[in-house]
Amino acid sequence: DLRPGNGYYVRMPSTRPLAAITGASAGIGAVFARKLAARG
């Protein structure tokens, strides 16, 4: 579940590593997001 809060979705406790990406809405940033999600 993704729970809304304070203008963005709050990440719930997770054992997966965390990656932060700026300019993530399109192009290279969106591809980084997809490939990092696929990597866990």
PDB file of all heavy atoms in Angstrom:
ATOM      1  N   ASP A   1       0.838  -1.198   0.000  1.00  0.00           N
ATOM      2  CA  ASP A   1       0.000   0.000   0.000  1.00  0.00           C
ATOM      3  C   ASP A   1       0.874   1.250   0.000  1.00  0.00           C
ATOM      4  O   ASP A   1       1.936   1.286   0.615  1.00  0.00           O
ATOM      5  CB  ASP A   1      -0.896   0.033   1.235  1.00  0.00           C
ATOM      6  CG  ASP A   1      -1.975  -1.022   1.171  1.00  0.00           C
ATOM      7  OD1 ASP A   1      -2.348  -1.382   0.045  1.00  0.00           O
ATOM      8  OD2 ASP A   1      -2.440  -1.483   2.228  1.00  0.00           O
ATOM      9  N   LEU A   2       0.417   2.270  -0.705  1.00  0.00           N
ATOM     10  CA  LEU A   2       1.050   3.578  -0.668  1.00  0.00           C
ATOM     11  C   LEU A   2       0.070   4.530   0.008  1.00  0.00           C
ATOM     12  O   LEU A   2      -1.027   4.744  -0.478  1.00  0.00           O
ATOM     13  CB  LEU A   2       1.369   4.062  -2.081  1.00  0.00           C
ATOM     14  CG  LEU A   2       2.336   3.184  -2.866  1.00  0.00           C
ATOM     15  CD1 LEU A   2       2.487   3.719  -4.279  1.00  0.00           C
ATOM     16  CD2 LEU A   2       3.692   3.149  -2.194  1.00  0.00           C
ATOM     17  N   ARG A   3       0.442   5.082   1.127  1.00  0.00           N
ATOM     18  CA  ARG A   3      -0.471   5.915   1.901  1.00  0.00           C
ATOM     19  C   ARG A   3      -0.143   7.391   1.679  1.00  0.00           C
ATOM     20  O   ARG A   3       1.010   7.802   1.818  1.00  0.00           O
ATOM     21  CB  ARG A   3      -0.333   5.588   3.384  1.00  0.00           C
ATOM     22  CG  ARG A   3      -0.640   4.136   3.691  1.00  0.00           C
ATOM     23  CD  ARG A   3      -0.604   3.870   5.173  1.00  0.00           C
ATOM     24  NE  ARG A   3      -0.791   2.454   5.454  1.00  0.00           N
ATOM     25  CZ  ARG A   3      -0.777   1.928   6.675  1.00  0.00           C
ATOM     26  NH1 ARG A   3      -0.589   2.715   7.718  1.00  0.00           N
ATOM     27  NH2 ARG A   3      -0.941   0.639   6.859  1.00  0.00           N
ATOM     28  N   PRO A   4      -1.132   8.209   1.322  1.00  0.00           N
ATOM     29  CA  PRO A   4      -0.859   9.628   1.076  1.00  0.00           C
ATOM     30  C   PRO A   4      -0.607  10.379   2.370  1.00  0.00           C
ATOM     31  O   PRO A   4      -1.173  10.075   3.414  1.00  0.00           O
ATOM     32  CB  PRO A   4      -2.144  10.114   0.402  1.00  0.00           C
ATOM     33  CG  PRO A   4      -3.200   9.190   0.892  1.00  0.00           C
ATOM     34  CD  PRO A   4      -2.540   7.854   1.098  1.00  0.00           C
ATOM     35  N   GLY A   5       0.281  11.377   2.276  1.00  0.00           N
ATOM     36  CA  GLY A   5       0.539  12.213   3.439  1.00  0.00           C
ATOM     37  C   GLY A   5       1.411  13.393   3.103  1.00  0.00           C
ATOM     38  O   GLY A   5       2.451  13.243   2.477  1.00  0.00           O
ATOM     39  N   ASN A   6       0.993  14.590   3.500  1.00  0.00           N
ATOM     40  CA  ASN A   6       1.786  15.799   3.334  1.00  0.00           C
ATOM     41  C   ASN A   6       2.219  16.060   1.894  1.00  0.00           C
ATOM     42  O   ASN A   6       3.322  16.505   1.625  1.00  0.00           O
ATOM     43  CB  ASN A   6       3.039  15.747   4.226  1.00  0.00           C
ATOM     44  CG  ASN A   6       2.685  15.664   5.708  1.00  0.00           C
ATOM     45  OD1 ASN A   6       1.712  16.267   6.126  1.00  0.00           O
ATOM     46  ND2 ASN A   6       3.443  14.901   6.464  1.00  0.00           N
ATOM     47  N   GLY A   7       1.360  15.751   0.952  1.00  0.00           N
ATOM     48  CA  GLY A   7       1.652  16.102  -0.426  1.00  0.00           C
ATOM     49  C   GLY A   7       2.409  15.063  -1.208  1.00  0.00           C
ATOM     50  O   GLY A   7       2.689  15.244  -2.381  1.00  0.00           O
ATOM     51  N   TYR A   8       2.774  13.960  -0.576  1.00  0.00           N
ATOM     52  CA  TYR A   8       3.427  12.883  -1.303  1.00  0.00           C
ATOM     53  C   TYR A   8       3.072  11.557  -0.633  1.00  0.00           C
ATOM     54  O   TYR A   8       2.507  11.513   0.452  1.00  0.00           O
ATOM     55  CB  TYR A   8       4.947  13.073  -1.353  1.00  0.00           C
ATOM     56  CG  TYR A   8       5.605  13.386  -0.029  1.00  0.00           C
ATOM     57  CD1 TYR A   8       5.891  12.382   0.883  1.00  0.00           C
ATOM     58  CD2 TYR A   8       5.938  14.691   0.300  1.00  0.00           C
ATOM     59  CE1 TYR A   8       6.483  12.662   2.085  1.00  0.00           C
ATOM     60  CE2 TYR A   8       6.535  14.983   1.511  1.00  0.00           C
ATOM     61  CZ  TYR A   8       6.817  13.972   2.401  1.00  0.00           C
ATOM     62  OH  TYR A   8       7.408  14.254   3.597  1.00  0.00           O
ATOM     63  N   TYR A   9       3.415  10.475  -1.311  1.00  0.00           N
ATOM     64  CA  TYR A   9       3.129   9.166  -0.746  1.00  0.00           C
ATOM     65  C   TYR A   9       4.238   8.773   0.219  1.00  0.00           C
ATOM     66  O   TYR A   9       5.422   8.942  -0.068  1.00  0.00           O
ATOM     67  CB  TYR A   9       3.006   8.132  -1.860  1.00  0.00           C
ATOM     68  CG  TYR A   9       1.728   8.245  -2.633  1.00  0.00           C
ATOM     69  CD1 TYR A   9       1.710   8.852  -3.882  1.00  0.00           C
ATOM     70  CD2 TYR A   9       0.535   7.773  -2.116  1.00  0.00           C
ATOM     71  CE1 TYR A   9       0.535   8.975  -4.596  1.00  0.00           C
ATOM     72  CE2 TYR A   9      -0.646   7.896  -2.813  1.00  0.00           C
ATOM     73  CZ  TYR A   9      -0.637   8.493  -4.057  1.00  0.00           C
ATOM     74  OH  TYR A   9      -1.802   8.621  -4.752  1.00  0.00           O
ATOM     75  N   VAL A  10       3.858   8.234   1.354  1.00  0.00           N
ATOM     76  CA  VAL A  10       4.818   7.868   2.389  1.00  0.00           C
ATOM     77  C   VAL A  10       5.204   6.406   2.239  1.00  0.00           C
ATOM     78  O   VAL A  10       4.353   5.530   2.157  1.00  0.00           O
ATOM     79  CB  VAL A  10       4.212   8.115   3.793  1.00  0.00           C
ATOM     80  CG1 VAL A  10       5.197   7.686   4.871  1.00  0.00           C
ATOM     81  CG2 VAL A  10       3.847   9.583   3.941  1.00  0.00           C
ATOM     82  N   ARG A  11       6.492   6.143   2.220  1.00  0.00           N
ATOM     83  CA  ARG A  11       6.987   4.774   2.107  1.00  0.00           C
ATOM     84  C   ARG A  11       6.838   4.074   3.447  1.00  0.00           C
ATOM     85  O   ARG A  11       7.281   4.564   4.478  1.00  0.00           O
ATOM     86  CB  ARG A  11       8.456   4.814   1.682  1.00  0.00           C
ATOM     87  CG  ARG A  11       9.162   3.465   1.642  1.00  0.00           C
ATOM     88  CD  ARG A  11      10.575   3.671   1.084  1.00  0.00           C
ATOM     89  NE  ARG A  11      11.369   2.467   1.139  1.00  0.00           N
ATOM     90  CZ  ARG A  11      12.362   2.264   2.007  1.00  0.00           C
ATOM     91  NH1 ARG A  11      12.647   3.187   2.898  1.00  0.00           N
ATOM     92  NH2 ARG A  11      13.056   1.144   1.976  1.00  0.00           N
ATOM     93  N   MET A  12       6.205   2.928   3.414  1.00  0.00           N
ATOM     94  CA  MET A  12       6.016   2.151   4.626  1.00  0.00           C
ATOM     95  C   MET A  12       7.278   1.331   4.902  1.00  0.00           C
ATOM     96  O   MET A  12       8.130   1.178   4.036  1.00  0.00           O
ATOM     97  CB  MET A  12       4.801   1.239   4.455  1.00  0.00           C
ATOM     98  CG  MET A  12       3.515   2.012   4.151  1.00  0.00           C
ATOM     99  SD  MET A  12       3.167   3.287   5.380  1.00  0.00           S
ATOM    100  CE  MET A  12       2.846   2.263   6.829  1.00  0.00           C
ATOM    101  N   PRO A  13       7.442   0.785   6.126  1.00  0.00           N
ATOM    102  CA  PRO A  13       8.644   0.006   6.438  1.00  0.00           C
ATOM    103  C   PRO A  13       8.885  -1.092   5.408  1.00  0.00           C
ATOM    104  O   PRO A  13       7.966  -1.798   4.995  1.00  0.00           O
ATOM    105  CB  PRO A  13       8.331  -0.571   7.824  1.00  0.00           C
ATOM    106  CG  PRO A  13       7.390   0.422   8.428  1.00  0.00           C
ATOM    107  CD  PRO A  13       6.553   0.921   7.290  1.00  0.00           C
ATOM    108  N   SER A  14      10.124  -1.218   4.986  1.00  0.00           N
ATOM    109  CA  SER A  14      10.464  -2.147   3.910  1.00  0.00           C
ATOM    110  C   SER A  14      11.895  -2.610   4.082  1.00  0.00           C
ATOM    111  O   SER A  14      12.739  -1.893   4.627  1.00  0.00           O
ATOM    112  CB  SER A  14      10.288  -1.454   2.547  1.00  0.00           C
ATOM    113  OG  SER A  14      10.787  -2.261   1.503  1.00  0.00           O
ATOM    114  N   THR A  15      12.191  -3.800   3.613  1.00  0.00           N
ATOM    115  CA  THR A  15      13.559  -4.318   3.661  1.00  0.00           C
ATOM    116  C   THR A  15      14.298  -4.059   2.350  1.00  0.00           C
ATOM    117  O   THR A  15      15.473  -4.388   2.228  1.00  0.00           O
ATOM    118  CB  THR A  15      13.552  -5.834   3.931  1.00  0.00           C
ATOM    119  OG1 THR A  15      12.810  -6.504   2.896  1.00  0.00           O
ATOM    120  CG2 THR A  15      12.923  -6.143   5.278  1.00  0.00           C
ATOM    121  N   ARG A  16      13.632  -3.478   1.368  1.00  0.00           N
ATOM    122  CA  ARG A  16      14.268  -3.203   0.085  1.00  0.00           C
ATOM    123  C   ARG A  16      15.165  -1.971   0.197  1.00  0.00           C
ATOM    124  O   ARG A  16      14.859  -1.032   0.923  1.00  0.00           O
ATOM    125  CB  ARG A  16      13.207  -2.960  -0.991  1.00  0.00           C
ATOM    126  CG  ARG A  16      12.349  -4.181  -1.308  1.00  0.00           C
ATOM    127  CD  ARG A  16      11.090  -3.798  -2.058  1.00  0.00           C
ATOM    128  NE  ARG A  16      11.344  -3.206  -3.358  1.00  0.00           N
ATOM    129  CZ  ARG A  16      11.168  -3.835  -4.523  1.00  0.00           C
ATOM    130  NH1 ARG A  16      10.746  -5.086  -4.533  1.00  0.00           N
ATOM    131  NH2 ARG A  16      11.402  -3.224  -5.656  1.00  0.00           N
ATOM    132  N   PRO A  17      16.313  -1.958  -0.515  1.00  0.00           N
ATOM    133  CA  PRO A  17      17.141  -0.748  -0.532  1.00  0.00           C
ATOM    134  C   PRO A  17      16.386   0.400  -1.191  1.00  0.00           C
ATOM    135  O   PRO A  17      15.460   0.178  -1.971  1.00  0.00           O
ATOM    136  CB  PRO A  17      18.364  -1.169  -1.356  1.00  0.00           C
ATOM    137  CG  PRO A  17      17.895  -2.320  -2.188  1.00  0.00           C
ATOM    138  CD  PRO A  17      16.861  -3.029  -1.361  1.00  0.00           C
ATOM    139  N   LEU A  18      16.802   1.624  -0.857  1.00  0.00           N
ATOM    140  CA  LEU A  18      16.078   2.812  -1.297  1.00  0.00           C
ATOM    141  C   LEU A  18      16.928   3.629  -2.270  1.00  0.00           C
ATOM    142  O   LEU A  18      18.104   3.899  -2.010  1.00  0.00           O
ATOM    143  CB  LEU A  18      15.719   3.670  -0.084  1.00  0.00           C
ATOM    144  CG  LEU A  18      14.892   4.933  -0.335  1.00  0.00           C
ATOM    145  CD1 LEU A  18      13.524   4.576  -0.888  1.00  0.00           C
ATOM    146  CD2 LEU A  18      14.757   5.738   0.958  1.00  0.00           C
ATOM    147  N   ALA A  19      16.319   4.024  -3.393  1.00  0.00           N
ATOM    148  CA  ALA A  19      16.978   4.890  -4.371  1.00  0.00           C
ATOM    149  C   ALA A  19      16.162   6.148  -4.561  1.00  0.00           C
ATOM    150  O   ALA A  19      14.935   6.089  -4.685  1.00  0.00           O
ATOM    151  CB  ALA A  19      17.144   4.170  -5.710  1.00  0.00           C
ATOM    152  N   ALA A  20      16.821   7.302  -4.568  1.00  0.00           N
ATOM    153  CA  ALA A  20      16.167   8.591  -4.804  1.00  0.00           C
ATOM    154  C   ALA A  20      16.582   9.104  -6.177  1.00  0.00           C
ATOM    155  O   ALA A  20      17.771   9.083  -6.516  1.00  0.00           O
ATOM    156  CB  ALA A  20      16.545   9.596  -3.722  1.00  0.00           C
ATOM    157  N   ILE A  21      15.612   9.568  -6.955  1.00  0.00           N
ATOM    158  CA  ILE A  21      15.869   9.992  -8.336  1.00  0.00           C
ATOM    159  C   ILE A  21      15.206  11.336  -8.568  1.00  0.00           C
ATOM    160  O   ILE A  21      13.996  11.488  -8.364  1.00  0.00           O
ATOM    161  CB  ILE A  21      15.315   8.972  -9.355  1.00  0.00           C
ATOM    162  CG1 ILE A  21      15.874   7.576  -9.085  1.00  0.00           C
ATOM    163  CG2 ILE A  21      15.627   9.412 -10.786  1.00  0.00           C
ATOM    164  CD1 ILE A  21      15.148   6.477  -9.840  1.00  0.00           C
ATOM    165  N   THR A  22      15.969  12.315  -9.025  1.00  0.00           N
ATOM    166  CA  THR A  22      15.386  13.585  -9.418  1.00  0.00           C
ATOM    167  C   THR A  22      15.128  13.567 -10.931  1.00  0.00           C
ATOM    168  O   THR A  22      15.761  12.827 -11.672  1.00  0.00           O
ATOM    169  CB  THR A  22      16.299  14.771  -9.067  1.00  0.00           C
ATOM    170  OG1 THR A  22      17.459  14.767  -9.916  1.00  0.00           O
ATOM    171  CG2 THR A  22      16.731  14.707  -7.610  1.00  0.00           C
ATOM    172  N   GLY A  23      14.179  14.387 -11.357  1.00  0.00           N
ATOM    173  CA  GLY A  23      13.798  14.365 -12.766  1.00  0.00           C
ATOM    174  C   GLY A  23      13.261  13.015 -13.177  1.00  0.00           C
ATOM    175  O   GLY A  23      13.510  12.532 -14.282  1.00  0.00           O
ATOM    176  N   ALA A  24      12.478  12.405 -12.282  1.00  0.00           N
ATOM    177  CA  ALA A  24      12.049  11.013 -12.471  1.00  0.00           C
ATOM    178  C   ALA A  24      10.800  10.868 -13.322  1.00  0.00           C
ATOM    179  O   ALA A  24      10.380   9.743 -13.600  1.00  0.00           O
ATOM    180  CB  ALA A  24      11.810  10.352 -11.112  1.00  0.00           C
ATOM    181  N   SER A  25      10.205  11.960 -13.749  1.00  0.00           N
ATOM    182  CA  SER A  25       8.903  11.870 -14.423  1.00  0.00           C
ATOM    183  C   SER A  25       8.992  11.436 -15.872  1.00  0.00           C
ATOM    184  O   SER A  25       7.977  11.061 -16.463  1.00  0.00           O
ATOM    185  CB  SER A  25       8.171  13.219 -14.334  1.00  0.00           C
ATOM    186  OG  SER A  25       8.914  14.233 -14.976  1.00  0.00           O
ATOM    187  N   ALA A  26      10.185  11.475 -16.476  1.00  0.00           N
ATOM    188  CA  ALA A  26      10.302  11.133 -17.898  1.00  0.00           C
ATOM    189  C   ALA A  26      11.756  10.835 -18.229  1.00  0.00           C
ATOM    190  O   ALA A  26      12.659  11.050 -17.413  1.00  0.00           O
ATOM    191  CB  ALA A  26       9.783  12.287 -18.772  1.00  0.00           C
ATOM    192  N   GLY A  27      11.973  10.328 -19.445  1.00  0.00           N
ATOM    193  CA  GLY A  27      13.323  10.180 -19.980  1.00  0.00           C
ATOM    194  C   GLY A  27      14.230   9.293 -19.159  1.00  0.00           C
ATOM    195  O   GLY A  27      13.839   8.236 -18.651  1.00  0.00           O
ATOM    196  N   ILE A  28      15.477   9.730 -19.013  1.00  0.00           N
ATOM    197  CA  ILE A  28      16.497   8.953 -18.312  1.00  0.00           C
ATOM    198  C   ILE A  28      16.089   8.697 -16.867  1.00  0.00           C
ATOM    199  O   ILE A  28      16.291   7.604 -16.325  1.00  0.00           O
ATOM    200  CB  ILE A  28      17.857   9.675 -18.381  1.00  0.00           C
ATOM    201  CG1 ILE A  28      18.390   9.663 -19.827  1.00  0.00           C
ATOM    202  CG2 ILE A  28      18.873   9.029 -17.448  1.00  0.00           C
ATOM    203  CD1 ILE A  28      19.623  10.511 -20.038  1.00  0.00           C
ATOM    204  N   GLY A  29      15.478   9.685 -16.212  1.00  0.00           N
ATOM    205  CA  GLY A  29      15.069   9.510 -14.820  1.00  0.00           C
ATOM    206  C   GLY A  29      14.035   8.423 -14.645  1.00  0.00           C
ATOM    207  O   GLY A  29      14.124   7.607 -13.719  1.00  0.00           O
ATOM    208  N   ALA A  30      13.039   8.386 -15.539  1.00  0.00           N
ATOM    209  CA  ALA A  30      12.010   7.346 -15.450  1.00  0.00           C
ATOM    210  C   ALA A  30      12.598   5.969 -15.729  1.00  0.00           C
ATOM    211  O   ALA A  30      12.195   4.978 -15.100  1.00  0.00           O
ATOM    212  CB  ALA A  30      10.878   7.652 -16.427  1.00  0.00           C
ATOM    213  N   VAL A  31      13.555   5.893 -16.646  1.00  0.00           N
ATOM    214  CA  VAL A  31      14.198   4.603 -16.934  1.00  0.00           C
ATOM    215  C   VAL A  31      15.023   4.149 -15.739  1.00  0.00           C
ATOM    216  O   VAL A  31      15.020   2.963 -15.378  1.00  0.00           O
ATOM    217  CB  VAL A  31      15.055   4.692 -18.205  1.00  0.00           C
ATOM    218  CG1 VAL A  31      15.869   3.424 -18.409  1.00  0.00           C
ATOM    219  CG2 VAL A  31      14.160   4.932 -19.430  1.00  0.00           C
ATOM    220  N   PHE A  32      15.742   5.069 -15.100  1.00  0.00           N
ATOM    221  CA  PHE A  32      16.447   4.707 -13.861  1.00  0.00           C
ATOM    222  C   PHE A  32      15.461   4.126 -12.844  1.00  0.00           C
ATOM    223  O   PHE A  32      15.749   3.120 -12.189  1.00  0.00           O
ATOM    224  CB  PHE A  32      17.143   5.932 -13.267  1.00  0.00           C
ATOM    225  CG  PHE A  32      18.599   6.049 -13.601  1.00  0.00           C
ATOM    226  CD1 PHE A  32      19.057   7.102 -14.372  1.00  0.00           C
ATOM    227  CD2 PHE A  32      19.517   5.122 -13.140  1.00  0.00           C
ATOM    228  CE1 PHE A  32      20.400   7.230 -14.686  1.00  0.00           C
ATOM    229  CE2 PHE A  32      20.870   5.228 -13.433  1.00  0.00           C
ATOM    230  CZ  PHE A  32      21.311   6.302 -14.215  1.00  0.00           C
ATOM    231  N   ALA A  33      14.301   4.763 -12.699  1.00  0.00           N
ATOM    232  CA  ALA A  33      13.317   4.293 -11.718  1.00  0.00           C
ATOM    233  C   ALA A  33      12.856   2.879 -12.049  1.00  0.00           C
ATOM    234  O   ALA A  33      12.775   2.012 -11.157  1.00  0.00           O
ATOM    235  CB  ALA A  33      12.129   5.251 -11.682  1.00  0.00           C
ATOM    236  N   ARG A  34      12.533   2.635 -13.301  1.00  0.00           N
ATOM    237  CA  ARG A  34      12.047   1.301 -13.686  1.00  0.00           C
ATOM    238  C   ARG A  34      13.115   0.235 -13.481  1.00  0.00           C
ATOM    239  O   ARG A  34      12.832  -0.861 -12.983  1.00  0.00           O
ATOM    240  CB  ARG A  34      11.594   1.325 -15.147  1.00  0.00           C
ATOM    241  CG  ARG A  34      10.335   2.172 -15.382  1.00  0.00           C
ATOM    242  CD  ARG A  34       9.834   2.065 -16.811  1.00  0.00           C
ATOM    243  NE  ARG A  34       8.609   2.837 -16.985  1.00  0.00           N
ATOM    244  CZ  ARG A  34       8.554   4.044 -17.542  1.00  0.00           C
ATOM    245  NH1 ARG A  34       9.667   4.617 -18.011  1.00  0.00           N
ATOM    246  NH2 ARG A  34       7.404   4.686 -17.649  1.00  0.00           N
ATOM    247  N   LYS A  35      14.343   0.540 -13.860  1.00  0.00           N
ATOM    248  CA  LYS A  35      15.405  -0.463 -13.753  1.00  0.00           C
ATOM    249  C   LYS A  35      15.822  -0.689 -12.301  1.00  0.00           C
ATOM    250  O   LYS A  35      16.139  -1.820 -11.904  1.00  0.00           O
ATOM    251  CB  LYS A  35      16.597  -0.061 -14.627  1.00  0.00           C
ATOM    252  CG  LYS A  35      16.300  -0.200 -16.125  1.00  0.00           C
ATOM    253  CD  LYS A  35      17.510   0.085 -16.977  1.00  0.00           C
ATOM    254  CE  LYS A  35      17.206  -0.126 -18.464  1.00  0.00           C
ATOM    255  NZ  LYS A  35      17.069  -1.559 -18.797  1.00  0.00           N
ATOM    256  N   LEU A  36      15.812   0.358 -11.486  1.00  0.00           N
ATOM    257  CA  LEU A  36      16.135   0.171 -10.069  1.00  0.00           C
ATOM    258  C   LEU A  36      15.025  -0.585  -9.344  1.00  0.00           C
ATOM    259  O   LEU A  36      15.297  -1.414  -8.476  1.00  0.00           O
ATOM    260  CB  LEU A  36      16.396   1.527  -9.411  1.00  0.00           C
ATOM    261  CG  LEU A  36      17.755   2.147  -9.740  1.00  0.00           C
ATOM    262  CD1 LEU A  36      17.801   3.616  -9.345  1.00  0.00           C
ATOM    263  CD2 LEU A  36      18.876   1.374  -9.063  1.00  0.00           C
ATOM    264  N   ALA A  37      13.767  -0.323  -9.708  1.00  0.00           N
ATOM    265  CA  ALA A  37      12.667  -1.092  -9.124  1.00  0.00           C
ATOM    266  C   ALA A  37      12.786  -2.563  -9.496  1.00  0.00           C
ATOM    267  O   ALA A  37      12.557  -3.449  -8.662  1.00  0.00           O
ATOM    268  CB  ALA A  37      11.329  -0.524  -9.593  1.00  0.00           C
ATOM    269  N   ALA A  38      13.150  -2.832 -10.759  1.00  0.00           N
ATOM    270  CA  ALA A  38      13.330  -4.216 -11.202  1.00  0.00           C
ATOM    271  C   ALA A  38      14.491  -4.888 -10.473  1.00  0.00           C
ATOM    272  O   ALA A  38      14.489  -6.120 -10.309  1.00  0.00           O
ATOM    273  CB  ALA A  38      13.564  -4.248 -12.710  1.00  0.00           C
ATOM    274  N   ARG A  39      15.461  -4.102 -10.015  1.00  0.00           N
ATOM    275  CA  ARG A  39      16.602  -4.641  -9.270  1.00  0.00           C
ATOM    276  C   ARG A  39      16.302  -4.786  -7.782  1.00  0.00           C
ATOM    277  O   ARG A  39      17.185  -5.167  -7.006  1.00  0.00           O
ATOM    278  CB  ARG A  39      17.824  -3.723  -9.449  1.00  0.00           C
ATOM    279  CG  ARG A  39      18.460  -3.801 -10.830  1.00  0.00           C
ATOM    280  CD  ARG A  39      19.553  -2.746 -10.980  1.00  0.00           C
ATOM    281  NE  ARG A  39      20.357  -3.024 -12.170  1.00  0.00           N
ATOM    282  CZ  ARG A  39      21.689  -3.071 -12.202  1.00  0.00           C
ATOM    283  NH1 ARG A  39      22.380  -2.855 -11.091  1.00  0.00           N
ATOM    284  NH2 ARG A  39      22.333  -3.324 -13.320  1.00  0.00           N
ATOM    285  N   GLY A  40      15.083  -4.448  -7.373  1.00  0.00           N
ATOM    286  CA  GLY A  40      14.687  -4.672  -5.987  1.00  0.00           C
ATOM    287  C   GLY A  40      14.702  -3.448  -5.094  1.00  0.00           C
ATOM    288  O   GLY A  40      14.667  -3.585  -3.867  1.00  0.00           O
TER     289      GLY A  40
END
